[in-house]
Amino acid sequence: MSDSRSLRFVIGNTYQRLNPRNAPFDRSDRCRKVHDWTVYLDVIGGGDADIIEFVKFDMNNSTFKPQAFVCTCPIKVLDNDGLSVWRFSSRQQTYAQIGPIKVIIRGRGGTYRAIEYELVFSRRGGSLSPSSFIESRRLKDFKPSKMWDNKFGIELELTSSAAVTLDDVANGVSNRAGVTVDAMTYSEGRQTTDTWKLVPDSSIVCSQSQPDCTRFELVSPILRGGEGLNTCYKVMEQGLTSVAGVKVNRSMGFHVHINVEDLSLESLIKVCQNFVKYEDAMDSFMPPSRRTGSDESDQYFRSNKFDIGPNFSNKQRHEMLARCTSLEELCVMMNPQGRYYKLNLQNLMSRRQPTIEFRQHSATASYAKLKNWVRFCMAMVANSAKLRSPSCLKDSTPLDDQFEKLFYFVIKDRFLRNYYLSRRSEVNSVGALVGSCCDSCDHGNICAFGASSQKRTWGSVHS
């Protein structure tokens, strides 16, 4: 994409008339929605779609619930002439033809432009002549997309010096963060509670500089949506930073549980297909110790993709997942050797709790890393479940293309795309791991809560 603050665009719509016998009913269950159409705004001529913050499609019709649809993340498609364009769109099905709609563009500097468009309900639809949009104001950073208002939980592995007990940590966090934190035994910690808890964790290896450490895991109660992230902020930024000697190193992980009790088997299959499809892309923005092939991966978060079939093609793995006819079959295929996988479905298998667990991320002293990974995991599940079944990647698809497809077609969040694009550059650059908290854990170092780090903005891929 270019750095220009002007672009050319085309507004139009596609159209298909559905067979009345197969068309879905409207909310009244009386009328068949035979009109299938997509209204779009295409950024043409190689223009920079990142100039646009969002495109709103206002139906100007009170029968629509909601009346307006906002697209914040375009996708790359081929237009009717076979040219590559960035498309903002909204697909609809209606039982009747509707009047003109309003297409509203908001630039990243705050500039608005509204265009009225008359939908064309005939074969191939229609479009307006190309037009221009100019953002004359300074571009602002992207904001994260609204997070799915769903239940989740986190587990953060930590250590403290031998002189700092679990009760010391629990009391310190409770007093400063204003949340209840209980120190528990391992067996007590296996029970679901409505409070935060500290549980001993023997899998953690003490750092060389702190060989006699106290090893434990901080486990959240059931959290929900943005309010849950706010609680995580209090615990990390106000609570843990106040307790001397709490640190992380490369042997530790950060796990996120996402509630999937309302997802069907079909939806869970789509989540798994997308995870396996983009596992290599996710590896690319993780530190080396958190990637397939590392000692840590082989022990605590094995590759789902590899264990489905190390010599299989992407198409074979994709089709094997699609053929699963039961939850048990899906769980065994994704986790053939137990729970130590990047994506762990064993809680569904055992019926212990209705969650899937993302185990790959490294432990961190950074709230920014924590919240963005939670947002990523939530988007992966929510969007995989609601969107159409994914196709498989060609085995020859370059890693850069895999990364772009992951964020544009599944995560659909340009803030997270830019954040993880920057992370990817950091973890893959020569010398980037040295002195960075907490990627320096890859070199056997430790990172303390409250350690200073360079502030960055993630609003633009060009920044």
Protein backbone atom coordinates (compact mmCIF):
# COMPACT_ATOMS: atom_id res chain seq x y z
CA MET A 1 0.00 0.00 0.00
CA SER A 2 1.16 3.52 -0.72
CA ASP A 3 1.61 6.43 1.68
CA SER A 4 -0.75 8.73 -0.23
CA ARG A 5 -3.70 10.21 1.67
CA SER A 6 -6.04 10.12 -1.30
CA LEU A 7 -7.54 7.14 -3.07
CA ARG A 8 -9.95 6.21 -5.84
CA PHE A 9 -12.93 4.01 -5.13
CA VAL A 10 -15.97 2.41 -6.73
CA ILE A 11 -19.30 1.73 -5.04
CA GLY A 12 -21.46 -1.09 -6.38
CA ASN A 13 -23.32 -4.27 -5.60
CA THR A 14 -23.44 -7.87 -6.69
CA TYR A 15 -26.79 -9.64 -7.10
CA GLN A 16 -28.20 -13.15 -7.28
CA ARG A 17 -31.83 -14.21 -7.22
CA LEU A 18 -32.27 -17.34 -5.13
CA ASN A 19 -34.59 -20.23 -5.89
CA PRO A 20 -37.76 -19.47 -3.86
CA ARG A 21 -37.93 -23.08 -2.68
CA ASN A 22 -34.47 -22.86 -1.11
CA ALA A 23 -34.35 -19.22 0.01
CA PRO A 24 -34.42 -18.61 3.79
CA PHE A 25 -37.48 -17.09 5.48
CA ASP A 26 -37.47 -13.65 7.06
CA ARG A 27 -38.03 -13.14 10.81
CA SER A 28 -41.82 -13.47 10.40
CA ASP A 29 -41.42 -16.91 8.77
CA ARG A 30 -43.80 -15.77 6.04
CA CYS A 31 -41.61 -14.30 3.28
CA ARG A 32 -38.73 -15.92 1.43
CA LYS A 33 -35.57 -13.82 1.16
CA VAL A 34 -34.93 -14.42 -2.53
CA HIS A 35 -32.69 -11.39 -3.14
CA ASP A 36 -29.05 -12.12 -2.29
CA TRP A 37 -26.81 -9.08 -2.71
CA THR A 38 -23.56 -7.57 -1.48
CA VAL A 39 -23.00 -3.84 -1.42
CA TYR A 40 -19.35 -2.87 -1.60
CA LEU A 41 -16.81 -0.08 -1.77
CA ASP A 42 -13.69 -1.07 -3.70
CA VAL A 43 -10.41 0.82 -3.28
CA ILE A 44 -9.00 0.71 -6.80
CA GLY A 45 -5.78 1.53 -8.61
CA GLY A 46 -3.49 0.27 -5.86
CA GLY A 47 -4.84 2.83 -3.38
CA ASP A 48 -4.10 2.56 0.33
CA ALA A 49 -7.21 1.17 2.07
CA ASP A 50 -5.58 1.98 5.42
CA ILE A 51 -6.54 5.63 4.85
CA ILE A 52 -10.12 4.54 5.60
CA GLU A 53 -11.07 3.77 9.19
CA PHE A 54 -14.42 2.22 8.28
CA VAL A 55 -17.23 2.18 5.73
CA LYS A 56 -20.82 2.24 6.98
CA PHE A 57 -23.65 0.92 4.82
CA ASP A 58 -26.87 2.59 6.00
CA MET A 59 -29.91 0.80 4.56
CA ASN A 60 -32.22 3.78 5.08
CA ASN A 61 -34.93 1.27 5.94
CA SER A 62 -36.42 0.78 9.40
CA THR A 63 -37.21 -2.88 8.68
CA PHE A 64 -33.50 -3.70 8.83
CA LYS A 65 -32.27 -4.79 12.26
CA PRO A 66 -29.74 -3.26 12.59
CA GLN A 67 -30.30 -0.52 10.04
CA ALA A 68 -26.61 0.12 9.38
CA PHE A 69 -23.67 -2.25 8.92
CA VAL A 70 -20.09 -1.18 9.52
CA CYS A 71 -17.08 -2.76 7.81
CA THR A 72 -13.75 -1.99 9.50
CA CYS A 73 -11.50 -4.51 7.75
CA PRO A 74 -11.37 -4.83 3.94
CA ILE A 75 -10.34 -7.96 2.08
CA LYS A 76 -8.39 -8.28 -1.15
CA VAL A 77 -10.55 -9.55 -4.05
CA LEU A 78 -10.60 -9.49 -7.84
CA ASP A 79 -13.15 -7.11 -9.35
CA ASN A 80 -15.25 -7.81 -12.48
CA ASP A 81 -12.27 -6.89 -14.66
CA GLY A 82 -9.93 -9.29 -12.85
CA LEU A 83 -8.06 -6.48 -11.08
CA SER A 84 -6.98 -6.71 -7.43
CA VAL A 85 -8.88 -4.31 -5.15
CA TRP A 86 -9.42 -3.80 -1.41
CA ARG A 87 -13.13 -4.35 -0.69
CA PHE A 88 -15.27 -3.08 2.19
CA SER A 89 -18.64 -4.84 1.95
CA SER A 90 -21.85 -6.04 3.55
CA ARG A 91 -23.81 -9.05 2.32
CA GLN A 92 -27.59 -9.09 2.74
CA GLN A 93 -30.60 -11.22 1.86
CA THR A 94 -34.01 -9.58 1.52
CA TYR A 95 -37.51 -10.63 0.46
CA ALA A 96 -38.07 -7.37 -1.45
CA GLN A 97 -36.05 -4.88 -3.40
CA ILE A 98 -35.13 -1.85 -1.30
CA GLY A 99 -34.56 1.77 -2.17
CA PRO A 100 -31.32 3.74 -2.20
CA ILE A 101 -28.84 3.21 0.60
CA LYS A 102 -26.22 5.55 2.00
CA VAL A 103 -22.54 4.63 1.93
CA ILE A 104 -20.52 6.58 4.51
CA ILE A 105 -16.71 6.68 4.45
CA ARG A 106 -14.77 7.74 7.52
CA GLY A 107 -11.08 8.42 7.06
CA ARG A 108 -8.49 7.80 9.76
CA GLY A 109 -8.14 11.52 10.26
CA GLY A 110 -11.88 11.96 10.88
CA THR A 111 -12.96 13.10 7.40
CA TYR A 112 -16.39 11.89 6.31
CA ARG A 113 -17.95 11.46 2.91
CA ALA A 114 -21.47 10.13 2.25
CA ILE A 115 -22.70 8.83 -1.11
CA GLU A 116 -26.21 7.67 -1.99
CA TYR A 117 -26.33 4.48 -4.00
CA GLU A 118 -29.26 2.86 -5.82
CA LEU A 119 -28.97 -0.91 -5.60
CA VAL A 120 -29.24 -2.79 -8.90
CA PHE A 121 -31.39 -5.92 -8.59
CA SER A 122 -30.46 -7.60 -11.84
CA ARG A 123 -27.86 -10.12 -12.93
CA ARG A 124 -24.31 -9.08 -11.94
CA GLY A 125 -25.63 -6.01 -10.09
CA GLY A 126 -24.22 -2.59 -10.88
CA SER A 127 -21.79 0.14 -9.85
CA LEU A 128 -21.16 3.88 -9.90
CA SER A 129 -18.36 5.60 -11.76
CA PRO A 130 -15.04 5.85 -9.89
CA SER A 131 -14.73 8.64 -7.35
CA SER A 132 -12.09 10.02 -4.99
CA PHE A 133 -11.66 10.28 -1.23
CA ILE A 134 -9.10 12.62 0.33
CA GLU A 135 -8.08 12.52 3.99
CA SER A 136 -6.64 15.97 4.63
CA ARG A 137 -6.19 15.51 8.37
CA ARG A 138 -3.44 13.70 10.23
CA LEU A 139 -3.99 9.95 10.31
CA LYS A 140 -4.84 8.53 13.72
CA ASP A 141 -3.89 5.10 14.97
CA PHE A 142 -6.29 2.24 14.34
CA LYS A 143 -8.40 1.23 17.30
CA PRO A 144 -8.93 -2.44 18.19
CA SER A 145 -12.15 -3.93 16.87
CA LYS A 146 -14.87 -4.45 19.42
CA MET A 147 -14.12 -7.66 21.29
CA TRP A 148 -16.58 -10.55 21.44
CA ASP A 149 -18.57 -10.32 24.68
CA ASN A 150 -17.82 -13.88 25.68
CA LYS A 151 -16.43 -15.71 28.70
CA PHE A 152 -12.70 -16.40 28.92
CA GLY A 153 -10.01 -17.16 31.46
CA ILE A 154 -6.24 -16.79 31.69
CA GLU A 155 -3.38 -18.71 33.30
CA LEU A 156 -0.04 -16.95 33.73
CA GLU A 157 3.00 -18.90 34.92
CA LEU A 158 5.32 -16.92 37.24
CA THR A 159 8.11 -17.20 39.78
CA SER A 160 9.19 -15.25 42.83
CA SER A 161 12.28 -15.47 45.03
CA ALA A 162 12.22 -18.20 47.66
CA ALA A 163 11.70 -15.53 50.31
CA VAL A 164 8.42 -14.44 48.70
CA THR A 165 5.67 -16.96 49.44
CA LEU A 166 2.41 -17.52 47.59
CA ASP A 167 0.59 -15.83 50.48
CA ASP A 168 2.86 -12.79 50.08
CA VAL A 169 2.04 -12.54 46.37
CA ALA A 170 -1.68 -13.13 46.96
CA ASN A 171 -1.88 -10.46 49.65
CA GLY A 172 0.12 -7.97 47.61
CA VAL A 173 -2.01 -8.35 44.49
CA SER A 174 -5.26 -8.33 46.47
CA ASN A 175 -4.36 -5.14 48.32
CA ARG A 176 -3.21 -3.17 45.29
CA ALA A 177 -5.56 -4.46 42.55
CA GLY A 178 -8.72 -4.62 44.63
CA VAL A 179 -9.52 -8.22 43.66
CA THR A 180 -9.54 -11.34 45.80
CA VAL A 181 -6.55 -13.62 45.23
CA ASP A 182 -6.26 -16.92 47.12
CA ALA A 183 -3.13 -19.05 47.52
CA MET A 184 -4.06 -22.72 47.09
CA THR A 185 -2.56 -26.19 46.94
CA TYR A 186 -2.37 -27.91 43.55
CA SER A 187 -5.43 -30.09 44.25
CA GLU A 188 -7.45 -27.12 45.53
CA GLY A 189 -6.47 -25.13 42.44
CA ARG A 190 -8.07 -27.65 40.08
CA GLN A 191 -11.50 -26.56 41.26
CA THR A 192 -13.26 -23.71 39.43
CA THR A 193 -13.64 -20.70 41.72
CA ASP A 194 -15.00 -17.17 41.45
CA THR A 195 -11.72 -15.64 42.70
CA TRP A 196 -8.20 -15.31 41.31
CA LYS A 197 -5.88 -18.00 42.65
CA LEU A 198 -2.18 -18.83 42.91
CA VAL A 199 -1.39 -22.51 42.42
CA PRO A 200 2.02 -24.29 42.65
CA ASP A 201 3.40 -25.30 39.23
CA SER A 202 6.25 -27.83 39.13
CA SER A 203 6.64 -27.59 35.33
CA ILE A 204 8.36 -24.19 35.65
CA VAL A 205 12.16 -24.06 35.65
CA CYS A 206 13.81 -21.49 37.91
CA SER A 207 16.10 -18.98 36.22
CA GLN A 208 19.87 -19.36 36.63
CA SER A 209 20.02 -16.05 38.50
CA GLN A 210 17.23 -17.17 40.87
CA PRO A 211 17.69 -20.95 41.26
CA ASP A 212 15.68 -21.35 44.46
CA CYS A 213 12.49 -19.73 43.23
CA THR A 214 8.86 -20.18 44.22
CA ARG A 215 7.05 -21.50 41.13
CA PHE A 216 3.37 -20.86 40.62
CA GLU A 217 0.56 -20.12 38.21
CA LEU A 218 -1.84 -17.19 38.46
CA VAL A 219 -5.30 -18.39 37.40
CA SER A 220 -8.23 -16.06 36.79
CA PRO A 221 -11.87 -16.74 37.57
CA ILE A 222 -14.29 -16.73 34.64
CA LEU A 223 -13.95 -13.32 32.98
CA ARG A 224 -16.05 -11.72 30.28
CA GLY A 225 -15.34 -9.38 27.37
CA GLY A 226 -13.83 -5.94 27.82
CA GLU A 227 -14.66 -5.83 31.52
CA GLY A 228 -12.61 -8.97 31.97
CA LEU A 229 -9.63 -7.32 30.29
CA ASN A 230 -10.01 -4.35 32.63
CA THR A 231 -9.69 -6.73 35.58
CA CYS A 232 -6.56 -8.26 34.02
CA TYR A 233 -5.11 -4.76 33.78
CA LYS A 234 -5.65 -4.17 37.49
CA VAL A 235 -4.05 -7.49 38.41
CA MET A 236 -1.00 -6.99 36.19
CA GLU A 237 -0.36 -3.26 36.25
CA GLN A 238 -1.49 -2.47 39.80
CA GLY A 239 -1.14 -5.81 41.59
CA LEU A 240 1.82 -7.82 40.29
CA THR A 241 4.02 -4.77 39.73
CA SER A 242 3.76 -4.02 43.45
CA VAL A 243 5.13 -7.41 44.55
CA ALA A 244 8.93 -7.52 44.63
CA GLY A 245 10.62 -10.46 42.95
CA VAL A 246 7.80 -11.67 40.68
CA LYS A 247 9.33 -12.61 37.32
CA VAL A 248 8.89 -14.66 34.14
CA ASN A 249 11.34 -16.66 32.02
CA ARG A 250 11.29 -18.75 28.86
CA SER A 251 10.11 -21.93 30.59
CA MET A 252 6.80 -20.26 31.43
CA GLY A 253 3.65 -19.94 29.37
CA PHE A 254 0.54 -17.81 29.15
CA HIS A 255 -2.64 -19.77 28.44
CA VAL A 256 -6.04 -18.45 27.37
CA HIS A 257 -9.28 -20.40 27.75
CA ILE A 258 -12.22 -19.41 25.51
CA ASN A 259 -15.77 -20.51 26.32
CA VAL A 260 -17.34 -22.45 23.43
CA GLU A 261 -20.46 -23.86 25.09
CA ASP A 262 -22.70 -22.28 22.43
CA LEU A 263 -20.68 -23.52 19.44
CA SER A 264 -21.88 -26.45 17.35
CA LEU A 265 -19.60 -29.23 16.13
CA GLU A 266 -19.59 -27.56 12.71
CA SER A 267 -18.38 -24.29 14.26
CA LEU A 268 -15.68 -26.03 16.31
CA ILE A 269 -14.43 -27.76 13.17
CA LYS A 270 -14.10 -24.36 11.48
CA VAL A 271 -12.10 -23.04 14.45
CA CYS A 272 -9.76 -26.02 14.23
CA GLN A 273 -9.43 -25.75 10.46
CA ASN A 274 -8.42 -22.10 10.69
CA PHE A 275 -6.00 -22.78 13.53
CA VAL A 276 -4.24 -25.55 11.62
CA LYS A 277 -4.40 -23.52 8.40
CA TYR A 278 -2.61 -20.56 9.96
CA GLU A 279 -0.39 -22.29 12.53
CA ASP A 280 2.77 -21.37 10.61
CA ALA A 281 1.67 -17.73 10.40
CA MET A 282 1.12 -17.64 14.18
CA ASP A 283 4.55 -19.20 14.72
CA SER A 284 6.06 -16.30 12.77
CA PHE A 285 5.16 -13.71 15.43
CA MET A 286 6.13 -15.85 18.43
CA PRO A 287 9.64 -15.97 19.97
CA PRO A 288 11.71 -18.94 18.72
CA SER A 289 11.14 -20.86 21.96
CA ARG A 290 7.38 -20.82 21.33
CA ARG A 291 7.48 -22.24 17.81
CA THR A 292 7.08 -25.73 16.42
CA GLY A 293 10.34 -27.61 16.74
CA SER A 294 11.57 -25.96 19.94
CA ASP A 295 12.24 -28.05 23.03
CA GLU A 296 9.44 -26.22 24.82
CA SER A 297 6.99 -26.93 22.01
CA ASP A 298 7.77 -30.64 21.94
CA GLN A 299 7.09 -30.82 25.67
CA TYR A 300 4.23 -28.41 26.39
CA PHE A 301 2.53 -27.15 23.21
CA ARG A 302 2.92 -29.56 20.35
CA SER A 303 1.97 -28.66 16.80
CA ASN A 304 -1.64 -29.57 16.00
CA LYS A 305 -0.85 -29.31 12.30
CA PHE A 306 2.12 -31.67 12.44
CA ASP A 307 0.44 -34.29 14.62
CA ILE A 308 -2.64 -34.51 12.40
CA GLY A 309 -0.22 -35.77 9.77
CA PRO A 310 3.45 -34.75 9.43
CA ASN A 311 3.60 -35.65 5.74
CA PHE A 312 0.07 -34.66 4.80
CA SER A 313 -0.78 -31.77 2.50
CA ASN A 314 -2.79 -28.81 3.76
CA LYS A 315 -5.75 -30.13 1.77
CA GLN A 316 -5.53 -33.56 3.40
CA ARG A 317 -5.47 -32.08 6.92
CA HIS A 318 -8.32 -29.73 6.05
CA GLU A 319 -10.49 -32.52 4.70
CA MET A 320 -9.73 -34.84 7.62
CA LEU A 321 -11.01 -32.21 10.04
CA ALA A 322 -14.08 -31.61 7.87
CA ARG A 323 -14.98 -35.30 8.02
CA CYS A 324 -15.17 -35.41 11.84
CA THR A 325 -18.66 -36.53 12.85
CA SER A 326 -18.37 -36.19 16.64
CA LEU A 327 -16.73 -33.98 19.23
CA GLU A 328 -14.68 -36.94 20.45
CA GLU A 329 -13.33 -37.59 16.95
CA LEU A 330 -12.37 -33.93 16.55
CA CYS A 331 -10.62 -33.83 19.94
CA VAL A 332 -8.60 -36.96 19.19
CA MET A 333 -7.57 -35.64 15.79
CA MET A 334 -6.44 -32.28 17.19
CA ASN A 335 -4.86 -33.71 20.38
CA PRO A 336 -3.78 -37.31 19.70
CA GLN A 337 -1.27 -37.27 22.59
CA GLY A 338 -3.21 -35.46 25.31
CA ARG A 339 -3.54 -31.82 26.28
CA TYR A 340 -0.06 -30.42 25.58
CA TYR A 341 -0.91 -28.80 22.23
CA LYS A 342 -0.98 -25.24 20.96
CA LEU A 343 -4.76 -25.60 20.74
CA ASN A 344 -6.02 -27.91 23.50
CA LEU A 345 -9.54 -29.37 23.29
CA GLN A 346 -9.23 -31.84 26.16
CA ASN A 347 -11.62 -29.97 28.46
CA LEU A 348 -14.34 -30.64 25.89
CA MET A 349 -13.34 -34.29 25.71
CA SER A 350 -13.46 -34.77 29.49
CA ARG A 351 -16.52 -32.51 29.93
CA ARG A 352 -14.56 -30.74 32.70
CA GLN A 353 -15.48 -27.30 31.36
CA PRO A 354 -16.73 -25.97 27.99
CA THR A 355 -13.50 -24.24 26.93
CA ILE A 356 -10.72 -24.60 24.42
CA GLU A 357 -7.23 -23.54 25.47
CA PHE A 358 -4.62 -21.57 23.51
CA ARG A 359 -1.29 -22.67 25.04
CA GLN A 360 1.38 -21.28 22.72
CA HIS A 361 2.04 -17.77 24.03
CA SER A 362 5.01 -17.16 26.31
CA ALA A 363 4.56 -15.85 29.83
CA THR A 364 4.76 -12.09 29.88
CA ALA A 365 5.13 -9.11 32.18
CA SER A 366 3.45 -6.92 29.53
CA TYR A 367 -0.26 -6.16 29.78
CA ALA A 368 -0.22 -5.07 26.12
CA LYS A 369 0.93 -8.53 25.05
CA LEU A 370 -1.65 -10.16 27.32
CA LYS A 371 -4.64 -8.15 26.14
CA ASN A 372 -3.75 -8.38 22.46
CA TRP A 373 -3.34 -12.16 22.62
CA VAL A 374 -6.70 -12.47 24.40
CA ARG A 375 -8.26 -10.32 21.67
CA PHE A 376 -6.60 -12.46 19.01
CA CYS A 377 -7.86 -15.73 20.51
CA MET A 378 -11.39 -14.36 20.94
CA ALA A 379 -11.47 -13.14 17.33
CA MET A 380 -10.09 -16.45 16.04
CA VAL A 381 -12.94 -18.35 17.71
CA ALA A 382 -15.78 -15.89 17.11
CA ASN A 383 -15.04 -15.19 13.45
CA SER A 384 -14.20 -18.79 12.55
CA ALA A 385 -17.51 -19.88 14.05
CA LYS A 386 -19.72 -17.32 12.30
CA LEU A 387 -18.06 -17.14 8.88
CA ARG A 388 -18.41 -19.67 6.09
CA SER A 389 -16.24 -22.79 6.16
CA PRO A 390 -12.66 -21.90 5.25
CA SER A 391 -10.80 -23.24 2.24
CA CYS A 392 -7.34 -24.74 2.60
CA LEU A 393 -4.12 -22.97 1.76
CA LYS A 394 -1.98 -24.15 -1.10
CA ASP A 395 1.17 -25.81 0.23
CA SER A 396 3.21 -23.25 -1.72
CA THR A 397 1.54 -20.19 -0.13
CA PRO A 398 4.31 -17.80 1.06
CA LEU A 399 4.42 -17.10 4.79
CA ASP A 400 3.82 -13.36 4.24
CA ASP A 401 0.61 -14.18 2.37
CA GLN A 402 -0.46 -16.55 5.13
CA PHE A 403 0.00 -13.77 7.68
CA GLU A 404 -2.04 -11.28 5.64
CA LYS A 405 -4.84 -13.78 5.00
CA LEU A 406 -5.01 -14.66 8.70
CA PHE A 407 -5.64 -11.08 9.75
CA TYR A 408 -7.86 -9.97 6.86
CA PHE A 409 -10.05 -13.07 6.52
CA VAL A 410 -10.21 -14.44 10.07
CA ILE A 411 -9.09 -11.96 12.76
CA LYS A 412 -10.47 -8.94 10.87
CA ASP A 413 -8.71 -6.36 13.01
CA ARG A 414 -6.18 -3.98 11.48
CA PHE A 415 -4.95 -2.85 14.89
CA LEU A 416 -3.98 -6.43 15.74
CA ARG A 417 -2.57 -6.94 12.27
CA ASN A 418 -0.20 -4.01 12.73
CA TYR A 419 0.66 -5.02 16.29
CA TYR A 420 1.62 -8.54 15.29
CA LEU A 421 3.36 -7.34 12.14
CA SER A 422 5.61 -5.29 14.41
CA ARG A 423 6.00 -8.22 16.83
CA ARG A 424 6.92 -10.44 13.91
CA SER A 425 9.63 -8.05 12.88
CA GLU A 426 10.94 -7.83 16.44
CA VAL A 427 11.15 -11.56 17.15
CA ASN A 428 12.77 -12.29 13.78
CA SER A 429 15.33 -9.48 13.64
CA VAL A 430 18.97 -10.01 14.52
CA GLY A 431 19.59 -8.95 18.11
CA ALA A 432 15.93 -8.13 18.76
CA LEU A 433 15.74 -10.65 21.59
CA VAL A 434 18.56 -9.09 23.58
CA GLY A 435 17.37 -6.69 26.28
CA SER A 436 13.73 -6.87 25.30
CA CYS A 437 11.26 -7.65 28.04
CA CYS A 438 10.28 -10.41 27.89
CA ASP A 439 11.71 -11.87 24.70
CA SER A 440 15.12 -11.86 26.39
CA CYS A 441 13.76 -14.88 28.25
CA ASP A 442 14.83 -16.80 25.15
CA HIS A 443 18.41 -16.16 26.23
CA GLY A 444 17.95 -17.51 29.74
CA ASN A 445 17.29 -14.11 31.28
CA ILE A 446 14.40 -13.13 33.52
CA CYS A 447 11.95 -10.27 33.26
CA ALA A 448 10.39 -8.47 36.19
CA PHE A 449 6.97 -6.87 36.34
CA GLY A 450 7.18 -3.14 35.97
CA ALA A 451 10.36 -3.34 33.82
CA SER A 452 10.58 -0.43 31.47
CA SER A 453 10.23 -1.02 27.74
CA GLN A 454 10.12 1.19 24.71
CA LYS A 455 6.66 2.55 24.04
CA ARG A 456 5.26 1.98 20.55
CA THR A 457 2.14 2.79 18.63
CA TRP A 458 0.46 0.14 16.54
CA GLY A 459 -1.90 2.27 14.51
CA SER A 460 -0.25 2.16 11.11
CA VAL A 461 1.73 -0.38 9.22
CA HIS A 462 3.85 2.56 8.02
CA SER A 463 4.71 3.92 11.47
